[in-house]
Protein backbone atom coordinates (compact mmCIF):
# COMPACT_ATOMS: atom_id res chain seq x y z
CA MET A 1 0.21 -0.32 -0.08
CA VAL A 2 1.11 3.50 -1.29
CA THR A 3 2.59 5.57 2.26
CA VAL A 4 1.94 8.93 2.64
CA ALA A 5 3.28 11.00 5.56
CA ILE A 6 2.32 14.42 7.07
CA ILE A 7 5.49 16.68 7.72
CA GLY A 8 5.92 20.15 9.17
CA ARG A 9 6.81 22.21 12.11
CA PRO A 10 4.89 22.01 15.63
CA ASN A 11 1.40 22.58 15.62
CA VAL A 12 0.17 23.12 12.13
CA GLY A 13 -2.43 20.63 12.52
CA LYS A 14 -0.96 17.64 11.11
CA SER A 15 -2.41 14.89 13.81
CA THR A 16 -5.77 16.99 13.30
CA LEU A 17 -5.58 16.09 9.66
CA PHE A 18 -4.29 12.36 10.75
CA ASN A 19 -7.69 11.71 12.16
CA ARG A 20 -9.73 13.27 9.89
CA LEU A 21 -8.17 10.75 7.48
CA VAL A 22 -8.26 7.57 9.70
CA GLY A 23 -11.64 8.98 10.42
CA LYS A 24 -10.80 8.25 13.83
CA LYS A 25 -9.42 9.96 16.96
CA LEU A 26 -6.21 8.18 17.44
CA ALA A 27 -3.34 10.68 17.73
CA LEU A 28 -3.79 12.91 20.93
CA VAL A 29 -4.66 17.01 19.36
CA ASP A 30 -3.65 19.76 21.63
CA ASP A 31 -3.47 23.36 21.11
CA ARG A 32 0.37 23.59 22.21
CA PRO A 33 3.15 22.77 20.30
CA GLY A 34 4.98 19.56 20.41
CA VAL A 35 1.82 16.95 21.16
CA THR A 36 3.41 14.38 19.00
CA ARG A 37 6.32 12.72 19.15
CA ASP A 38 6.53 9.25 17.81
CA ARG A 39 5.67 8.79 14.19
CA ARG A 40 2.18 7.26 13.73
CA GLU A 41 0.65 5.61 11.21
CA GLY A 42 -3.39 4.37 10.49
CA GLU A 43 -5.41 3.45 7.40
CA ALA A 44 -6.13 6.36 5.91
CA HIS A 45 -9.20 6.71 3.13
CA LEU A 46 -9.81 9.48 0.91
CA ALA A 47 -13.01 9.87 -1.36
CA ASP A 48 -12.36 6.58 -3.59
CA ILE A 49 -8.24 6.20 -2.52
CA ALA A 50 -7.03 4.45 0.00
CA PHE A 51 -3.08 4.43 1.44
CA THR A 52 -0.91 4.27 4.55
CA ILE A 53 -0.44 7.31 6.43
CA ILE A 54 1.62 8.91 8.93
CA ASP A 55 1.45 11.44 11.62
CA THR A 56 4.52 12.87 12.81
CA ALA A 57 6.42 14.82 15.30
CA GLY A 58 7.14 18.22 14.70
CA LEU A 59 10.23 19.09 12.59
CA GLU A 60 12.71 21.16 15.60
CA GLU A 61 16.27 21.88 15.69
CA GLY A 62 17.93 20.32 18.59
CA ALA A 63 21.36 18.41 19.11
CA ALA A 64 21.00 14.52 18.45
CA GLN A 65 20.76 13.27 21.56
CA SER A 66 18.31 15.53 22.88
CA LEU A 67 14.63 15.19 23.05
CA ALA A 68 13.99 16.95 19.91
CA GLY A 69 16.74 15.49 18.09
CA ARG A 70 15.39 11.71 18.63
CA MET A 71 11.96 13.02 17.76
CA ARG A 72 13.49 14.72 14.60
CA ALA A 73 15.06 11.31 13.65
CA GLN A 74 11.94 9.58 13.76
CA THR A 75 10.08 12.36 11.33
CA GLU A 76 13.56 11.50 9.15
CA ALA A 77 12.94 7.87 9.14
CA ALA A 78 9.10 8.93 8.09
CA ILE A 79 10.43 10.33 5.31
CA ASP A 80 12.94 8.06 3.98
CA SER A 81 9.58 4.93 4.57
CA ALA A 82 7.22 8.25 2.37
CA ASP A 83 6.08 7.43 -1.22
CA VAL A 84 4.58 10.52 -0.86
CA ILE A 85 5.33 13.75 1.31
CA LEU A 86 2.66 15.81 2.61
CA PHE A 87 4.29 19.10 3.60
CA MET A 88 1.76 21.48 6.30
CA ILE A 89 2.01 24.98 6.88
CA ASP A 90 -0.34 27.00 8.98
CA ALA A 91 -1.75 29.20 6.46
CA ARG A 92 -3.19 31.62 9.33
CA ALA A 93 0.77 32.09 10.60
CA GLY A 94 2.26 32.67 7.20
CA ILE A 95 5.87 31.61 6.37
CA THR A 96 8.10 31.18 9.10
CA PRO A 97 11.98 30.93 8.86
CA ASP A 98 11.81 27.69 10.11
CA ASP A 99 9.02 26.24 7.22
CA ARG A 100 11.59 27.86 4.88
CA ALA A 101 14.78 25.68 6.26
CA PHE A 102 12.43 22.64 6.54
CA ALA A 103 11.17 23.32 2.98
CA ASN A 104 14.80 23.11 1.68
CA LEU A 105 15.40 19.26 3.65
CA LEU A 106 11.96 18.05 1.84
CA ARG A 107 13.40 19.30 -1.34
CA ARG A 108 16.74 17.15 -0.97
CA ALA A 109 14.49 14.30 0.13
CA ASP A 110 14.04 14.18 -4.05
CA LYS A 111 10.06 12.41 -2.92
CA PRO A 112 7.17 13.41 -4.51
CA LEU A 113 5.86 16.18 -2.90
CA ILE A 114 2.48 18.15 -1.80
CA LEU A 115 2.66 21.41 -0.29
CA LEU A 116 -0.59 21.51 1.90
CA ALA A 117 -1.95 25.39 3.40
CA ASN A 118 -4.02 24.30 6.66
CA LYS A 119 -6.45 26.37 8.54
CA ALA A 120 -7.10 28.13 5.37
CA GLU A 121 -10.79 28.94 5.97
CA GLY A 122 -11.26 32.93 5.96
CA ARG A 123 -9.90 35.57 4.18
CA VAL A 124 -6.83 35.59 6.55
CA GLY A 125 -6.10 31.95 5.80
CA SER A 126 -6.50 32.70 1.87
CA ALA A 127 -4.11 35.27 2.31
CA GLY A 128 -1.61 33.13 3.69
CA ALA A 129 -2.47 30.16 1.39
CA MET A 130 -1.38 32.39 -1.30
CA GLU A 131 1.91 33.07 0.44
CA ALA A 132 3.11 29.72 0.13
CA PHE A 133 3.87 30.26 -3.10
CA ASP A 134 7.14 31.60 -2.01
CA LEU A 135 8.19 27.94 -0.62
CA GLY A 136 9.03 26.91 -4.41
CA LEU A 137 7.20 23.98 -4.12
CA GLY A 138 4.51 24.14 -6.59
CA GLU A 139 0.87 25.59 -5.83
CA PRO A 140 -0.34 24.99 -2.42
CA VAL A 141 -3.49 22.71 -1.56
CA ALA A 142 -5.07 25.11 0.58
CA ILE A 143 -7.35 22.98 3.36
CA SER A 144 -9.27 22.97 6.58
CA ALA A 145 -7.99 19.89 8.49
CA GLU A 146 -10.80 21.01 11.64
CA HIS A 147 -13.99 21.59 9.61
CA GLY A 148 -12.87 19.28 6.74
CA GLU A 149 -12.45 21.81 3.71
CA GLY A 150 -10.31 21.28 0.46
CA LEU A 151 -10.15 17.24 1.09
CA LEU A 152 -11.20 16.52 -2.34
CA ASP A 153 -8.27 18.59 -3.51
CA LEU A 154 -5.77 16.71 -1.53
CA ARG A 155 -6.96 13.38 -3.55
CA ASP A 156 -6.31 14.70 -6.73
CA ALA A 157 -3.34 16.24 -5.64
CA LEU A 158 -1.97 12.71 -4.36
CA VAL A 159 -3.22 10.74 -7.42
CA ALA A 160 -1.32 13.49 -9.64
CA ALA A 161 1.58 12.95 -7.73
CA LEU A 162 1.33 9.14 -7.60
CA PRO A 163 -1.46 7.96 -10.24
CA ILE A 164 -1.77 4.16 -8.48
CA LEU A 165 -3.42 5.52 -6.11
CA ALA A 166 -6.46 5.01 -8.18
CA GLU A 167 -6.05 1.66 -9.10
CA HIS A 168 -7.90 -0.46 -6.31
CA GLU A 169 -9.83 -3.72 -6.57
CA ASP A 170 -12.73 -4.59 -4.48
CA GLU A 171 -12.58 -7.45 -2.16
CA ASP A 172 -14.49 -9.27 -0.47
CA GLU A 173 -13.84 -10.45 3.40
CA ALA A 174 -16.90 -12.38 4.86
CA ASP A 175 -16.24 -13.33 7.82
CA GLU A 176 -16.75 -17.30 8.48
CA VAL A 177 -18.89 -18.09 10.68
CA LYS A 178 -17.54 -21.22 13.55
CA THR A 179 -20.15 -23.62 14.78
CA PHE A 180 -18.80 -26.67 17.36
CA GLY A 181 -20.62 -29.84 18.13
CA GLU A 182 -21.93 -30.72 21.22
CA ASP A 183 -19.02 -33.34 21.59
CA GLU A 184 -16.38 -31.26 19.70
CA ASP A 185 -13.47 -28.97 21.00
CA GLY A 186 -12.57 -26.69 19.02
CA THR A 187 -10.56 -23.15 18.75
CA GLU A 188 -11.88 -19.71 17.49
CA LEU A 189 -8.09 -18.65 16.15
CA ASP A 190 -7.18 -17.32 12.69
CA VAL A 191 -3.71 -16.72 12.14
CA THR A 192 -4.42 -15.05 8.83
CA ASN A 193 -5.96 -11.93 11.30
CA PRO A 194 -2.73 -10.04 12.81
CA LEU A 195 -2.20 -10.87 16.53
CA ARG A 196 -3.15 -7.64 18.37
CA ILE A 197 -0.73 -6.53 21.35
CA ALA A 198 -0.59 -3.44 23.69
CA VAL A 199 1.96 -3.09 26.13
CA ILE A 200 1.33 -1.42 29.02
CA GLY A 201 3.38 -0.65 32.42
CA ARG A 202 3.70 2.51 34.62
CA PRO A 203 5.93 5.39 33.26
CA ASN A 204 9.92 4.36 32.40
CA ALA A 205 9.36 0.50 32.56
CA GLY A 206 10.93 0.29 29.41
CA LYS A 207 8.29 -0.46 27.34
CA SER A 208 9.26 1.59 23.93
CA THR A 209 13.28 0.46 24.82
CA LEU A 210 11.80 -3.55 24.80
CA LEU A 211 9.38 -2.80 21.34
CA ASN A 212 12.17 -1.43 19.61
CA ARG A 213 14.30 -4.86 20.29
CA ILE A 214 11.56 -6.62 19.93
CA LEU A 215 11.43 -4.70 16.43
CA GLY A 216 15.26 -4.74 15.41
CA GLU A 217 15.31 -1.19 14.78
CA ASP A 218 14.46 2.41 17.12
CA ARG A 219 11.27 2.95 15.72
CA LEU A 220 9.72 4.21 18.84
CA LEU A 221 11.47 7.67 20.95
CA THR A 222 12.88 6.57 24.10
CA GLY A 223 15.00 8.21 26.42
CA PRO A 224 15.96 8.54 30.29
CA GLU A 225 13.13 11.00 30.56
CA ALA A 226 9.67 9.31 32.28
CA GLY A 227 6.35 9.72 30.29
CA ILE A 228 7.80 10.43 26.53
CA THR A 229 5.57 8.28 25.00
CA ARG A 230 2.26 9.93 24.50
CA ASP A 231 0.21 8.29 21.64
CA ALA A 232 -0.31 4.84 21.46
CA ILE A 233 1.77 3.63 18.39
CA GLY A 234 0.68 0.84 16.70
CA VAL A 235 3.33 -1.02 14.64
CA ASP A 236 2.97 -3.50 11.82
CA PHE A 237 5.20 -6.82 11.96
CA THR A 238 6.34 -10.35 11.11
CA TRP A 239 7.23 -12.95 13.92
CA GLY A 240 8.10 -15.86 12.64
CA GLU A 241 5.11 -16.92 9.96
CA ARG A 242 2.52 -14.59 12.41
CA GLN A 243 1.52 -11.18 11.68
CA LEU A 244 1.61 -8.33 14.78
CA LYS A 245 0.16 -5.18 15.47
CA LEU A 246 2.20 -4.24 18.14
CA PHE A 247 0.63 -1.22 20.35
CA ASP A 248 3.18 0.67 22.51
CA THR A 249 1.47 3.04 25.40
CA ALA A 250 2.02 6.00 27.34
CA GLY A 251 3.27 5.26 30.77
CA LEU A 252 0.13 4.54 33.43
CA ARG A 253 0.29 6.60 36.98
CA LYS A 254 -2.47 6.50 39.42
CA ARG A 255 -5.03 8.50 38.50
CA ALA A 256 -5.02 10.98 41.38
CA ARG A 257 -1.43 12.24 40.68
CA VAL A 258 -2.59 13.02 37.16
CA GLU A 259 -3.29 16.53 36.94
CA ASP A 260 -1.85 17.88 33.08
CA LYS A 261 -4.79 17.53 30.25
CA LEU A 262 -1.72 16.12 28.10
CA GLU A 263 -1.26 12.81 30.60
CA LYS A 264 -4.77 12.58 30.97
CA LEU A 265 -5.24 12.19 27.25
CA ALA A 266 -2.02 9.60 26.93
CA GLY A 267 -3.44 7.86 29.62
CA ALA A 268 -6.94 7.44 27.94
CA ASP A 269 -5.37 6.90 24.81
CA ALA A 270 -3.12 3.63 26.17
CA LEU A 271 -6.06 2.41 27.86
CA ARG A 272 -8.22 2.52 24.67
CA ALA A 273 -5.38 0.37 23.02
CA ALA A 274 -5.34 -2.15 25.72
CA LYS A 275 -8.86 -2.85 25.36
CA PHE A 276 -9.04 -3.29 21.80
CA ALA A 277 -5.79 -5.71 21.56
CA GLU A 278 -5.91 -9.70 22.35
CA VAL A 279 -3.03 -9.90 24.11
CA VAL A 280 -2.12 -7.06 26.60
CA VAL A 281 1.64 -7.67 28.03
CA LEU A 282 2.04 -5.56 31.54
CA LEU A 283 5.57 -4.89 31.92
CA VAL A 284 6.45 -4.46 35.14
CA ASP A 285 9.91 -3.02 36.22
CA ALA A 286 12.01 -6.16 37.77
CA THR A 287 13.89 -4.23 40.07
CA THR A 288 10.17 -2.51 41.81
CA PRO A 289 7.94 -5.30 40.75
CA PHE A 290 4.09 -5.71 41.42
CA GLU A 291 3.69 -2.14 42.96
CA LYS A 292 -0.37 -1.22 43.33
CA GLN A 293 -0.45 0.41 40.19
CA ASP A 294 0.88 -2.60 37.89
CA LEU A 295 -2.23 -4.54 39.92
CA THR A 296 -4.67 -2.07 39.13
CA LEU A 297 -3.61 -1.98 35.31
CA ALA A 298 -3.30 -5.99 35.01
CA ASP A 299 -7.26 -6.00 36.89
CA LEU A 300 -8.18 -3.43 34.37
CA ALA A 301 -6.69 -5.71 31.40
CA ALA A 302 -8.52 -8.93 33.41
CA ARG A 303 -11.74 -6.70 33.97
CA GLU A 304 -11.81 -6.24 29.72
CA GLY A 305 -11.65 -9.63 28.80
CA ARG A 306 -8.21 -9.17 27.46
CA ALA A 307 -5.01 -12.35 27.77
CA ILE A 308 -2.53 -11.44 29.76
CA VAL A 309 1.17 -11.74 30.01
CA ILE A 310 3.86 -9.99 32.36
CA GLY A 311 6.94 -9.07 31.49
CA LEU A 312 9.80 -8.55 34.32
CA ASN A 313 11.46 -5.92 32.13
CA LYS A 314 15.21 -5.20 33.40
CA TRP A 315 16.37 -8.55 34.09
CA ASP A 316 19.68 -7.81 33.49
CA LEU A 317 19.91 -5.63 37.11
CA VAL A 318 18.44 -8.38 39.50
CA GLU A 319 20.56 -10.58 41.38
CA GLU A 320 19.37 -14.48 42.19
CA ARG A 321 17.57 -14.64 39.42
CA GLY A 322 16.37 -18.45 39.69
CA LYS A 323 15.16 -17.91 43.33
CA ARG A 324 13.75 -14.33 42.59
CA LEU A 325 11.69 -15.31 39.50
CA ARG A 326 9.88 -18.61 41.66
CA GLU A 327 8.83 -15.69 44.25
CA LEU A 328 7.87 -12.99 41.66
CA ARG A 329 5.86 -16.00 40.09
CA GLU A 330 4.25 -17.61 43.05
CA GLU A 331 3.23 -14.18 44.10
CA ALA A 332 1.97 -13.27 40.36
CA ASN A 333 -0.41 -15.78 41.28
CA ARG A 334 -1.11 -14.71 44.95
CA LEU A 335 -2.18 -11.28 43.79
CA LEU A 336 -3.72 -11.91 40.27
CA ALA A 337 -6.63 -14.79 41.03
CA GLN A 338 -8.44 -13.61 38.63
CA VAL A 339 -5.97 -14.85 35.98
CA ARG A 340 -4.27 -17.49 37.99
CA GLY A 341 -1.53 -19.50 35.97
CA VAL A 342 -0.79 -15.58 34.05
CA PRO A 343 3.01 -16.12 32.41
CA VAL A 344 5.76 -14.10 34.15
CA VAL A 345 8.69 -13.88 31.88
CA PRO A 346 11.58 -12.16 32.65
CA VAL A 347 12.80 -9.48 29.70
CA SER A 348 15.68 -6.95 29.14
CA GLY A 349 14.74 -4.70 26.87
CA ALA A 350 18.38 -3.02 27.08
CA THR A 351 20.04 -6.57 26.12
CA GLY A 352 17.81 -8.37 24.26
CA GLU A 353 17.30 -11.38 26.90
CA GLY A 354 14.15 -13.31 27.06
CA ILE A 355 12.44 -11.70 23.63
CA PRO A 356 11.66 -15.12 22.20
CA ALA A 357 10.21 -16.72 25.88
CA LEU A 358 8.10 -13.50 26.07
CA MET A 359 6.63 -13.93 22.12
CA ASP A 360 6.29 -17.91 22.67
CA ALA A 361 4.22 -16.71 26.35
CA ILE A 362 2.32 -14.30 23.50
CA PHE A 363 0.94 -17.20 21.28
CA ARG A 364 0.26 -19.50 23.53
CA VAL A 365 -1.71 -17.38 25.84
CA HIS A 366 -4.03 -15.63 22.46
CA GLU A 367 -4.44 -19.93 22.09
CA THR A 368 -6.06 -20.47 25.21
CA TRP A 369 -7.70 -17.20 25.09
CA ASN A 370 -9.73 -18.55 21.12
CA LYS A 371 -10.19 -21.91 23.17
CA ARG A 372 -13.21 -23.96 22.76
CA ILE A 373 -14.55 -26.82 25.26
CA SER A 374 -17.37 -28.68 24.11
CA THR A 375 -20.47 -29.18 26.10
CA SER A 376 -20.39 -32.86 26.91
CA ARG A 377 -16.76 -32.64 28.24
CA LEU A 378 -17.60 -30.01 30.66
CA ASN A 379 -20.75 -31.10 31.81
CA ARG A 380 -18.72 -34.77 32.54
CA TRP A 381 -16.75 -32.29 34.48
CA LEU A 382 -19.75 -30.64 36.20
CA GLU A 383 -21.15 -33.61 36.98
CA GLY A 384 -17.92 -34.59 39.51
CA ALA A 385 -17.96 -31.02 40.86
CA ILE A 386 -21.37 -30.65 42.21
CA GLU A 387 -21.21 -34.71 43.55
CA SER A 388 -17.78 -33.99 45.41
CA THR A 389 -19.10 -30.01 46.41
CA PRO A 390 -22.71 -29.52 46.16
CA PRO A 391 -23.76 -26.02 45.90
CA PRO A 392 -25.76 -24.38 49.08
CA ALA A 393 -29.50 -24.71 50.01
CA VAL A 394 -30.82 -21.20 49.99
CA ALA A 395 -34.34 -20.72 52.64
CA GLY A 396 -33.93 -24.96 52.48
CA ARG A 397 -34.40 -25.51 49.31
CA ARG A 398 -31.15 -26.37 47.56
CA ILE A 399 -29.63 -24.74 44.35
CA LYS A 400 -29.75 -27.31 41.76
CA ILE A 401 -27.27 -26.74 38.26
CA ARG A 402 -28.47 -28.82 35.69
CA TYR A 403 -25.76 -28.01 33.41
CA MET A 404 -22.86 -25.99 31.31
CA THR A 405 -22.33 -24.40 27.92
CA GLN A 406 -19.09 -22.66 26.67
CA LEU A 407 -21.30 -19.72 24.83
CA ARG A 408 -18.30 -18.01 23.25
CA ALA A 409 -14.75 -18.09 23.33
CA ARG A 410 -12.01 -14.50 23.53
CA PRO A 411 -12.32 -14.83 26.44
CA PRO A 412 -13.92 -18.31 27.79
CA TYR A 413 -17.50 -17.57 28.54
CA PHE A 414 -19.74 -20.18 29.91
CA VAL A 415 -23.14 -20.41 31.05
CA ILE A 416 -25.00 -22.96 34.13
CA PHE A 417 -28.73 -23.38 33.65
CA GLY A 418 -30.67 -24.46 36.48
CA ASN A 419 -33.16 -23.91 39.56
CA GLN A 420 -32.11 -20.58 41.92
CA LEU A 421 -29.37 -19.50 40.78
CA ASP A 422 -29.90 -16.06 41.14
CA HIS A 423 -29.22 -17.04 44.46
CA LEU A 424 -26.42 -18.63 44.05
CA PRO A 425 -23.18 -17.83 46.30
CA GLU A 426 -20.19 -15.71 44.76
CA SER A 427 -17.83 -18.37 46.44
CA TYR A 428 -19.42 -21.38 44.72
CA ARG A 429 -18.87 -19.29 41.29
CA ARG A 430 -15.37 -18.78 41.79
CA PHE A 431 -15.45 -22.58 42.89
CA LEU A 432 -16.52 -23.73 39.27
CA MET A 433 -14.52 -21.34 37.55
CA ASN A 434 -11.39 -22.02 39.68
CA GLY A 435 -12.14 -25.97 38.78
CA ILE A 436 -12.56 -25.08 35.07
CA ARG A 437 -9.17 -23.39 34.84
CA GLU A 438 -7.34 -26.12 36.42
CA THR A 439 -9.17 -28.98 34.56
CA PHE A 440 -9.59 -27.52 30.89
CA ASP A 441 -5.96 -26.21 31.09
CA LEU A 442 -7.05 -21.75 30.46
CA PRO A 443 -3.94 -20.32 32.88
CA GLY A 444 -3.33 -16.19 32.53
CA VAL A 445 -7.17 -15.52 30.56
CA PRO A 446 -9.93 -14.19 32.52
CA ILE A 447 -13.19 -16.72 32.46
CA ARG A 448 -16.52 -15.24 32.02
CA LEU A 449 -19.49 -17.11 34.11
CA SER A 450 -22.82 -16.11 33.70
CA VAL A 451 -26.23 -17.95 35.01
CA LYS A 452 -29.66 -18.49 33.60
CA THR A 453 -32.65 -20.51 34.60
CA SER A 454 -34.02 -22.56 32.11
CA ASP A 455 -35.38 -26.13 31.88
CA ASN A 456 -32.42 -28.97 30.47
CA PRO A 457 -33.22 -29.17 26.52
CA TYR A 458 -31.65 -32.76 27.69
CA ALA A 459 -34.81 -33.63 29.52
CA GLY A 460 -36.48 -35.21 26.69
CA ASN A 461 -33.98 -37.29 25.59
CA LYS A 462 -34.32 -39.43 28.59
CA ARG A 463 -36.00 -42.80 28.74
CA ARG A 464 -39.44 -42.24 30.29
CA SER A 465 -40.90 -44.71 32.75
């Protein structure tokens, strides 16, 4: 697919246009400059054309090792990977010295370039758009990313710059509905779809560093400063033969400590990425593991029904590793009973240690998350469980559980049918869920269990005396 990068100095409206083209508010937008730091990709649609769009940090001067310099390096990488460059200026502010400097930089890139005069609505904007001719980059396309004006002109300019954009084929993407028999185990896993993985954790846990190590390149902005990542950045990647969509997210602090509006937006973006992922990797600092915020994030992922893997990052700094790993795995099972058996994998983003084991754990827990258990096996187990530990009586009447079935996977969701189930104690529900987890090997995934009062559909199959 054709790749288009939006380039320009800070606060000219790049992220606003990005959100407009992808049809979602994926990139954080705020009035202050420099909100975007990493480069972010999305699938854009404009009239009848489709392409990959890259939002970038504002071009700023700065030493190579400074935050501004590292942000600039990310933008330059986007320029290298793009097929077409959209150079955006602020028509209301007019041409600035920085615009002229960056125009010279982009001219040397020797790639199709479209000059965008954003915020061109109104008399002042129109005058600024005309001023853009002075950059010597051809006729500017006047748009308003905020109001959606001028986008058809942008479409025509893109097709003129790269005619292949207008060549597309219709594709049928009908989803196949999987069904399973009463005696049939199965899976809802479809390995042809990219596996969505979100990495979450406290600030400075090393999320971006670890993902860069997995990707084998400095794709994500890193540094000693806490809170560098703001947007939840999605990166397409292949591990072995599996297609992945990896999401780097902003570090999440306790809500009471977050006062800055931008940090609140970044936190909400991170939580949204976790909700739409299939597997959530909770990255904790192995030198200070399982603080209250780590447990809060794990509980959040479990409540959202995501498969969970815990990565113990900075493992290269830990002493007596074998003993410490046993202790931390026991602690995880004790503190996170709702996902008992969750994989706990030591890794190091700095050295690359443990990454193959982490990826194996992700694939295993994803398979478990997709698992379907046959109704016949469930009910054979249920019969034995009830016989050994019957449900308690309510007002002198015993609760009767008739049968159980798995309604769906992703995560495993079970329904039990019987009489007076509205009075079933929470302790007995936990007993059933723990039994299902242990008997049918479902570690590291949340289990859903609901109740329904109904007649036994198998009652008609019994012989009448």
